[in-house]
N, C-alpha and C. Protein backbone atom coordinates (compact mmCIF):
# COMPACT_ATOMS: atom_id res chain seq x y z
N UNK A 1 -6.79 96.67 -47.46
CA UNK A 1 -5.98 95.30 -46.91
C UNK A 1 -6.58 95.50 -45.23
N UNK A 2 -6.10 94.18 -44.84
CA UNK A 2 -6.52 93.63 -43.09
C UNK A 2 -5.82 94.36 -42.54
N UNK A 3 -5.52 94.60 -41.65
CA UNK A 3 -4.70 95.58 -40.46
C UNK A 3 -3.90 94.33 -39.85
N UNK A 4 -3.05 94.93 -39.21
CA UNK A 4 -2.32 92.77 -38.55
C UNK A 4 -3.13 92.29 -37.37
N UNK A 5 -3.39 91.54 -36.71
CA UNK A 5 -3.48 91.26 -35.79
C UNK A 5 -2.39 91.71 -34.56
N UNK A 6 -3.07 92.62 -33.45
CA UNK A 6 -1.53 93.09 -32.32
C UNK A 6 -1.78 92.38 -31.29
N UNK A 7 -0.82 91.47 -30.61
CA UNK A 7 -0.14 90.78 -29.42
C UNK A 7 -1.51 91.29 -28.25
N UNK A 8 -1.16 92.61 -27.92
CA UNK A 8 -1.23 93.29 -27.48
C UNK A 8 -2.41 94.75 -26.93
N UNK A 9 -2.84 94.76 -26.13
CA UNK A 9 -4.10 96.07 -25.93
C UNK A 9 -4.17 96.72 -24.37
N UNK A 10 -4.54 97.74 -24.48
CA UNK A 10 -4.52 98.79 -22.87
C UNK A 10 -5.45 97.26 -22.66
N UNK A 11 -6.13 96.92 -22.80
CA UNK A 11 -7.10 95.82 -22.11
C UNK A 11 -6.41 94.03 -21.97
N UNK A 12 -5.70 93.46 -22.69
CA UNK A 12 -4.76 91.90 -22.12
C UNK A 12 -3.74 93.16 -21.64
N UNK A 13 -3.36 94.26 -21.46
CA UNK A 13 -1.39 94.54 -20.64
C UNK A 13 -2.49 94.36 -19.01
N UNK A 14 -1.44 92.93 -17.98
CA UNK A 14 -1.22 92.94 -16.64
C UNK A 14 -0.51 93.99 -16.35
N UNK A 15 0.51 93.77 -16.87
CA UNK A 15 2.56 94.24 -16.40
C UNK A 15 3.07 95.26 -17.74
N UNK A 16 4.03 95.73 -17.32
CA UNK A 16 5.28 96.00 -18.49
C UNK A 16 6.05 94.72 -19.02
N UNK A 17 6.94 94.55 -18.57
CA UNK A 17 8.38 93.77 -18.50
C UNK A 17 8.73 94.02 -19.34
N UNK A 18 10.13 94.15 -19.02
CA UNK A 18 11.72 94.72 -19.77
C UNK A 18 12.29 94.20 -18.76
N UNK A 19 13.43 93.77 -19.82
CA UNK A 19 14.46 92.17 -19.84
C UNK A 19 15.48 93.26 -19.64
N UNK A 20 16.81 92.63 -18.75
CA UNK A 20 18.38 92.78 -19.24
C UNK A 20 18.89 91.75 -18.56
N UNK A 21 20.51 91.55 -19.17
CA UNK A 21 21.65 90.89 -19.47
C UNK A 21 22.03 90.37 -18.39
N UNK A 22 22.12 89.45 -17.91
CA UNK A 22 23.09 88.86 -16.61
C UNK A 22 24.01 89.31 -16.22
N UNK A 23 24.86 89.10 -17.77
CA UNK A 23 26.15 88.92 -17.82
C UNK A 23 26.94 90.46 -18.38
N UNK A 24 26.21 91.69 -17.74
CA UNK A 24 25.90 92.74 -17.81
C UNK A 24 26.56 93.58 -16.94
N UNK A 25 28.00 94.44 -16.76
CA UNK A 25 28.24 94.87 -15.56
C UNK A 25 27.51 96.25 -15.33
N UNK A 26 26.74 97.17 -16.11
CA UNK A 26 25.43 97.54 -15.94
C UNK A 26 24.04 96.82 -15.12
N UNK A 27 23.41 95.79 -15.79
CA UNK A 27 22.64 94.84 -14.54
C UNK A 27 23.74 94.59 -13.38
N UNK A 28 24.09 94.16 -13.49
CA UNK A 28 25.17 93.73 -11.98
C UNK A 28 25.02 94.63 -10.48
N UNK A 29 25.02 96.05 -11.80
CA UNK A 29 25.03 97.52 -11.00
C UNK A 29 24.36 97.78 -10.27
N UNK A 30 22.51 97.55 -10.95
CA UNK A 30 21.54 97.92 -10.64
C UNK A 30 20.85 97.02 -9.29
N UNK A 31 21.38 95.85 -9.46
CA UNK A 31 20.81 94.33 -8.99
C UNK A 31 21.98 94.57 -7.95
N UNK A 32 22.09 95.09 -7.38
CA UNK A 32 23.50 95.43 -6.98
C UNK A 32 22.81 97.25 -6.04
N UNK A 33 22.42 97.57 -6.28
CA UNK A 33 21.95 98.70 -5.65
C UNK A 33 20.40 98.68 -5.84
N UNK A 34 20.32 97.35 -6.47
CA UNK A 34 18.53 97.59 -6.16
C UNK A 34 17.90 98.05 -6.95
N UNK A 35 18.04 98.56 -7.74
CA UNK A 35 17.45 99.14 -8.43
C UNK A 35 17.58 101.06 -8.61
N UNK A 36 18.15 101.30 -7.30
CA UNK A 36 17.68 102.69 -7.08
C UNK A 36 17.43 103.91 -7.97
N UNK A 37 18.55 103.62 -8.67
CA UNK A 37 19.93 104.69 -9.46
C UNK A 37 18.53 104.14 -11.32
N UNK A 38 17.92 103.24 -11.18
CA UNK A 38 17.65 103.07 -12.45
C UNK A 38 15.93 103.69 -12.52
N UNK A 39 15.89 104.28 -14.09
CA UNK A 39 14.84 105.15 -13.81
C UNK A 39 14.64 106.05 -15.63
N UNK A 40 15.18 104.91 -16.57
CA UNK A 40 15.31 104.71 -17.75
C UNK A 40 15.32 103.22 -18.21
N UNK A 41 14.21 103.08 -19.38
CA UNK A 41 14.84 101.41 -19.63
C UNK A 41 14.75 101.80 -21.07
N UNK A 42 15.93 101.44 -22.02
CA UNK A 42 15.92 100.81 -22.97
C UNK A 42 14.36 99.95 -23.71
N UNK A 43 13.33 100.71 -24.82
CA UNK A 43 12.44 100.15 -25.16
C UNK A 43 13.02 100.16 -26.63
N UNK A 44 12.48 98.64 -27.64
CA UNK A 44 12.24 98.77 -29.18
C UNK A 44 11.02 99.62 -29.15
N UNK A 45 11.45 101.28 -29.73
CA UNK A 45 9.76 101.30 -30.73
C UNK A 45 9.09 101.07 -31.49
N UNK A 46 7.73 100.23 -31.08
CA UNK A 46 6.30 99.84 -31.27
C UNK A 46 5.02 99.97 -31.27
N UNK A 47 4.68 99.40 -32.11
CA UNK A 47 2.78 99.58 -31.35
C UNK A 47 2.88 100.46 -29.78
N UNK A 48 3.68 98.66 -28.70
CA UNK A 48 3.92 98.25 -27.60
C UNK A 48 4.29 99.68 -27.26
N UNK A 49 4.88 100.32 -27.35
CA UNK A 49 5.91 101.52 -26.93
C UNK A 49 4.41 103.02 -26.61
N UNK A 50 4.26 102.66 -27.69
CA UNK A 50 3.08 103.74 -27.65
C UNK A 50 1.09 103.25 -27.00
N UNK A 51 1.75 102.36 -26.60
CA UNK A 51 0.59 101.90 -25.16
C UNK A 51 1.34 102.59 -23.83
N UNK A 52 2.12 102.08 -23.60
CA UNK A 52 3.16 103.27 -22.36
C UNK A 52 2.45 104.04 -21.66
N UNK A 53 2.01 103.63 -20.79
CA UNK A 53 1.25 105.15 -19.86
C UNK A 53 1.57 105.53 -18.31
N UNK A 54 2.43 106.55 -17.52
CA UNK A 54 2.32 106.69 -16.12
C UNK A 54 1.56 106.02 -15.72
N UNK A 55 2.20 105.16 -14.23
CA UNK A 55 2.06 104.85 -13.85
C UNK A 55 1.25 102.96 -13.93
N UNK A 56 1.80 102.28 -14.43
CA UNK A 56 1.82 101.61 -15.27
C UNK A 56 2.44 100.05 -14.74
N UNK A 57 1.84 99.07 -14.55
CA UNK A 57 2.93 97.66 -13.75
C UNK A 57 3.95 97.64 -14.92
N UNK A 58 4.61 97.13 -14.00
CA UNK A 58 6.15 97.21 -14.92
C UNK A 58 6.64 96.04 -14.06
N UNK A 59 7.85 94.81 -14.45
CA UNK A 59 8.35 93.69 -13.74
C UNK A 59 10.27 93.47 -14.69
N UNK A 60 10.42 93.12 -13.56
CA UNK A 60 12.21 93.63 -14.78
C UNK A 60 12.31 91.71 -14.96
N UNK A 61 12.82 91.09 -15.47
CA UNK A 61 13.29 90.12 -15.89
C UNK A 61 14.63 89.66 -16.30
N UNK A 62 15.46 89.47 -15.29
CA UNK A 62 17.31 89.45 -15.33
C UNK A 62 17.74 87.75 -16.64
N UNK A 63 17.59 87.96 -17.20
CA UNK A 63 18.38 86.56 -18.75
C UNK A 63 19.42 86.69 -18.33
N UNK A 64 19.67 85.93 -18.86
CA UNK A 64 21.18 84.88 -19.07
C UNK A 64 21.36 83.72 -18.46
N UNK A 65 22.76 83.21 -17.53
CA UNK A 65 22.83 82.17 -17.71
C UNK A 65 23.59 81.30 -15.81
N UNK A 66 23.29 83.20 -15.46
CA UNK A 66 24.67 83.49 -14.70
C UNK A 66 24.09 82.43 -13.30
N UNK A 67 25.08 81.82 -12.71
CA UNK A 67 24.34 81.04 -10.80
C UNK A 67 24.60 82.64 -9.71
N UNK A 68 25.11 83.17 -10.21
CA UNK A 68 24.41 84.18 -9.00
C UNK A 68 23.14 85.12 -9.59
N UNK A 69 22.87 85.06 -10.88
CA UNK A 69 21.62 86.31 -10.62
C UNK A 69 21.22 84.73 -12.14
N UNK A 70 20.29 84.43 -11.89
CA UNK A 70 19.59 83.06 -12.97
C UNK A 70 18.42 83.98 -13.17
N UNK A 71 18.44 83.14 -14.35
CA UNK A 71 17.58 84.42 -15.27
C UNK A 71 15.28 84.41 -13.52
N UNK A 72 15.02 85.30 -14.33
CA UNK A 72 13.75 85.41 -13.68
C UNK A 72 13.29 86.40 -13.24
N UNK A 73 12.77 87.17 -12.97
CA UNK A 73 11.90 88.10 -12.42
C UNK A 73 12.37 88.77 -11.09
N UNK A 74 12.97 90.47 -11.56
CA UNK A 74 13.85 90.31 -10.04
C UNK A 74 13.82 91.39 -9.15
N UNK A 75 12.51 91.87 -10.17
CA UNK A 75 12.32 94.20 -9.68
C UNK A 75 10.50 93.94 -10.16
N UNK A 76 10.24 94.98 -9.44
CA UNK A 76 8.67 95.19 -9.96
C UNK A 76 8.97 96.64 -10.40
N UNK A 77 7.69 97.31 -9.95
CA UNK A 77 7.63 98.84 -10.24
C UNK A 77 6.60 99.70 -10.83
N UNK A 78 6.76 100.55 -11.68
CA UNK A 78 5.28 101.16 -12.60
C UNK A 78 6.57 102.10 -13.54
N UNK A 79 6.09 102.40 -14.66
CA UNK A 79 6.22 103.47 -15.46
C UNK A 79 5.78 104.95 -14.73
N UNK A 80 7.18 105.29 -15.51
CA UNK A 80 6.46 107.27 -14.23
C UNK A 80 6.24 108.17 -15.39
N UNK A 81 6.12 107.22 -16.88
CA UNK A 81 5.90 108.29 -17.69
C UNK A 81 5.58 107.70 -19.71
N UNK A 82 5.68 108.41 -19.90
CA UNK A 82 4.79 107.77 -21.44
C UNK A 82 6.01 106.94 -21.92
N UNK A 83 6.57 106.57 -23.19
CA UNK A 83 7.57 105.84 -24.06
C UNK A 83 7.81 106.70 -24.73
N UNK A 84 9.45 107.40 -24.94
CA UNK A 84 9.50 108.57 -26.66
C UNK A 84 11.00 107.93 -26.70
N UNK A 85 11.18 107.83 -27.67
CA UNK A 85 12.55 107.61 -28.36
C UNK A 85 13.35 106.65 -28.10
N UNK A 86 12.38 105.14 -27.62
CA UNK A 86 13.65 104.01 -27.47
C UNK A 86 13.82 104.30 -25.87
N UNK A 87 13.11 104.88 -25.25
CA UNK A 87 12.85 104.84 -23.99
C UNK A 87 11.72 105.03 -22.90
N UNK A 88 11.49 104.31 -21.92
CA UNK A 88 10.41 104.37 -20.74
C UNK A 88 11.53 104.84 -19.87
N UNK A 89 10.48 105.77 -19.32
CA UNK A 89 11.03 106.26 -18.11
C UNK A 89 9.78 105.39 -16.23
N UNK A 90 10.97 105.21 -16.29
CA UNK A 90 10.42 103.52 -14.36
C UNK A 90 11.11 105.09 -13.48
N UNK A 91 10.31 103.35 -12.87
CA UNK A 91 10.81 103.34 -11.02
C UNK A 91 10.33 101.88 -11.00
N UNK A 92 11.63 101.60 -10.50
CA UNK A 92 11.96 100.18 -10.30
C UNK A 92 12.37 100.06 -8.47
N UNK A 93 11.75 98.56 -7.61
CA UNK A 93 12.20 98.03 -6.59
C UNK A 93 12.88 96.63 -6.59
N UNK A 94 14.11 96.12 -6.19
CA UNK A 94 14.25 95.31 -6.33
C UNK A 94 13.26 93.90 -5.32
N UNK A 95 13.27 92.56 -5.79
CA UNK A 95 12.28 91.62 -5.30
C UNK A 95 13.41 91.40 -3.84
N UNK A 96 13.07 91.25 -2.90
CA UNK A 96 13.73 90.45 -1.46
C UNK A 96 14.28 89.16 -2.18
N UNK A 97 12.42 88.41 -2.64
CA UNK A 97 12.95 87.19 -3.09
C UNK A 97 12.97 86.88 -4.98
N UNK A 98 13.21 86.66 -6.12
CA UNK A 98 13.16 86.87 -7.33
C UNK A 98 12.12 85.45 -7.10
N UNK A 99 11.68 86.11 -8.06
CA UNK A 99 10.64 84.86 -8.55
C UNK A 99 11.17 85.09 -10.27
N UNK A 100 11.88 83.06 -9.83
CA UNK A 100 12.57 82.09 -10.82
C UNK A 100 11.95 82.23 -11.48
N UNK A 101 13.40 81.55 -13.29
CA UNK A 101 12.48 80.89 -14.34
C UNK A 101 12.03 79.79 -14.42
N UNK A 102 13.18 79.13 -13.07
CA UNK A 102 12.70 77.90 -12.99
C UNK A 102 11.84 77.36 -12.55
N UNK A 103 11.47 78.54 -11.10
CA UNK A 103 10.07 78.19 -10.86
C UNK A 103 9.10 78.41 -11.54
N UNK A 104 8.94 78.94 -12.45
CA UNK A 104 7.82 79.82 -13.25
C UNK A 104 7.37 78.61 -14.29
N UNK A 105 8.21 77.87 -15.47
CA UNK A 105 7.73 77.17 -16.35
C UNK A 105 7.60 76.30 -15.79
N UNK A 106 7.10 75.74 -14.38
CA UNK A 106 6.17 74.26 -14.49
C UNK A 106 5.26 74.55 -14.07
N UNK A 107 4.24 76.35 -13.89
CA UNK A 107 3.30 76.43 -13.74
C UNK A 107 2.12 76.48 -14.83
N UNK A 108 1.11 75.34 -15.12
CA UNK A 108 0.57 75.63 -16.92
C UNK A 108 -0.12 77.32 -16.78
N UNK A 109 -0.41 77.69 -15.95
CA UNK A 109 -1.17 80.14 -15.92
C UNK A 109 0.03 79.96 -16.49
N UNK A 110 1.44 79.77 -16.39
CA UNK A 110 2.78 80.63 -16.38
C UNK A 110 2.75 80.44 -18.10
N UNK A 111 2.96 79.28 -18.72
CA UNK A 111 3.30 78.56 -20.10
C UNK A 111 3.33 79.45 -20.63
N UNK A 112 2.46 79.98 -20.91
CA UNK A 112 2.54 81.32 -22.10
C UNK A 112 3.16 82.46 -22.10
N UNK A 113 4.16 83.00 -20.77
CA UNK A 113 4.31 84.05 -21.02
C UNK A 113 5.06 84.04 -22.37
N UNK A 114 5.10 85.37 -22.16
CA UNK A 114 6.17 85.77 -24.20
C UNK A 114 7.52 85.29 -23.51
N UNK A 115 7.81 86.47 -22.05
CA UNK A 115 9.18 85.29 -22.05
C UNK A 115 9.48 84.33 -22.04
N UNK A 116 9.26 83.65 -21.18
CA UNK A 116 9.29 81.99 -21.15
C UNK A 116 8.83 81.33 -22.99
N UNK A 117 8.14 82.34 -24.13
CA UNK A 117 7.71 81.61 -25.27
C UNK A 117 8.45 82.24 -25.97
N UNK A 118 9.42 83.17 -26.33
CA UNK A 118 10.24 83.86 -27.11
C UNK A 118 11.46 85.37 -25.82
N UNK A 119 12.22 83.94 -25.26
CA UNK A 119 13.20 84.97 -24.00
C UNK A 119 14.26 85.58 -25.66
N UNK A 120 13.83 85.48 -26.75
CA UNK A 120 15.58 86.73 -27.44
C UNK A 120 14.44 87.78 -27.68
N UNK A 121 12.86 88.56 -27.60
CA UNK A 121 12.04 88.99 -27.89
C UNK A 121 12.65 90.48 -27.32
N UNK A 122 11.89 91.51 -27.51
CA UNK A 122 13.03 92.50 -27.27
C UNK A 122 12.17 93.68 -26.99
N UNK A 123 12.29 94.83 -25.79
CA UNK A 123 12.42 95.04 -24.79
C UNK A 123 10.82 96.14 -25.70
N UNK A 124 9.42 96.73 -24.76
CA UNK A 124 8.87 96.07 -23.60
C UNK A 124 8.14 94.38 -23.89
N UNK A 125 7.94 93.20 -23.10
CA UNK A 125 7.22 92.51 -22.49
C UNK A 125 6.44 93.17 -21.51
N UNK A 126 5.56 91.58 -21.89
CA UNK A 126 4.19 92.52 -21.09
C UNK A 126 4.25 90.88 -20.16
N UNK A 127 2.99 91.22 -19.62
CA UNK A 127 2.30 89.94 -18.91
C UNK A 127 1.14 90.21 -19.29
N UNK A 128 -0.16 89.21 -19.04
CA UNK A 128 -1.43 88.89 -19.16
C UNK A 128 -1.68 89.38 -17.68
N UNK A 129 -3.03 90.21 -17.34
CA UNK A 129 -4.11 90.38 -16.02
C UNK A 129 -3.26 88.74 -15.52
N UNK A 130 -4.62 87.90 -16.41
CA UNK A 130 -4.40 86.81 -15.35
C UNK A 130 -2.60 86.10 -15.42
N UNK A 131 -2.37 86.29 -15.97
CA UNK A 131 0.09 85.75 -15.44
C UNK A 131 0.08 86.37 -14.61
N UNK A 132 -0.47 87.93 -14.09
CA UNK A 132 0.10 88.98 -13.53
C UNK A 132 -0.27 87.74 -11.54
N UNK A 133 -1.24 87.59 -11.94
CA UNK A 133 -2.69 87.48 -11.06
C UNK A 133 -1.84 86.38 -10.64
N UNK A 134 -1.10 85.12 -10.81
CA UNK A 134 -0.89 84.36 -10.82
C UNK A 134 0.48 84.76 -9.92
N UNK A 135 1.58 85.62 -10.60
CA UNK A 135 2.97 86.13 -9.99
C UNK A 135 2.60 86.85 -8.54
N UNK A 136 1.67 87.51 -8.60
CA UNK A 136 0.87 88.15 -7.70
C UNK A 136 0.76 87.32 -6.33
N UNK A 137 0.73 85.58 -6.63
CA UNK A 137 0.20 85.01 -5.22
C UNK A 137 0.88 84.03 -5.06
N UNK A 138 2.85 84.14 -6.18
CA UNK A 138 3.36 83.93 -6.63
C UNK A 138 4.18 84.39 -5.34
N UNK A 139 4.25 85.87 -5.17
CA UNK A 139 5.26 86.70 -4.41
C UNK A 139 4.04 87.50 -3.72
N UNK A 140 4.10 87.06 -3.09
CA UNK A 140 3.43 88.38 -2.26
C UNK A 140 3.90 90.00 -2.16
N UNK A 141 5.16 90.03 -2.53
CA UNK A 141 5.68 91.35 -2.56
C UNK A 141 4.98 92.11 -3.78
N UNK A 142 4.39 91.42 -4.67
CA UNK A 142 4.90 91.87 -5.47
C UNK A 142 3.19 92.20 -5.87
N UNK A 143 2.15 92.13 -4.84
CA UNK A 143 1.12 93.16 -4.23
C UNK A 143 1.06 93.89 -3.62
N UNK A 144 2.44 94.80 -3.54
CA UNK A 144 2.30 95.76 -3.04
C UNK A 144 3.00 96.79 -4.67
N UNK A 145 2.03 97.53 -4.37
CA UNK A 145 2.12 98.88 -5.15
C UNK A 145 2.39 99.85 -4.67
């Protein structure tokens, strides 16, 4: 039997991307607090969560169609430990200027981002190193580590 082809490996990971629904009260509270209190994020246990290690780059995507919080990347940070039992330990900081979906969809290099191709996919999603480099050019805040 041929093993399944996996979309992600430690070599193809630029950053993890976790999603939050902009319509949820908990997401709105995190947005107001700049994600200062976010210490963990729920993830679906898959082979991907086995790749999570401390210190990996992390992006947070707010989904939905809220006028106050349109879809896009609203925070960045790092993983602070390994994922276990459906929980990823994180450290997040809000972006002063979010990278909105409307800005990202028109960029040829970003059109293959998993979150744009499969917005309803489970956590965690990811961006490739090449996609992360484009995002860093678009947002100097992302270059700060």
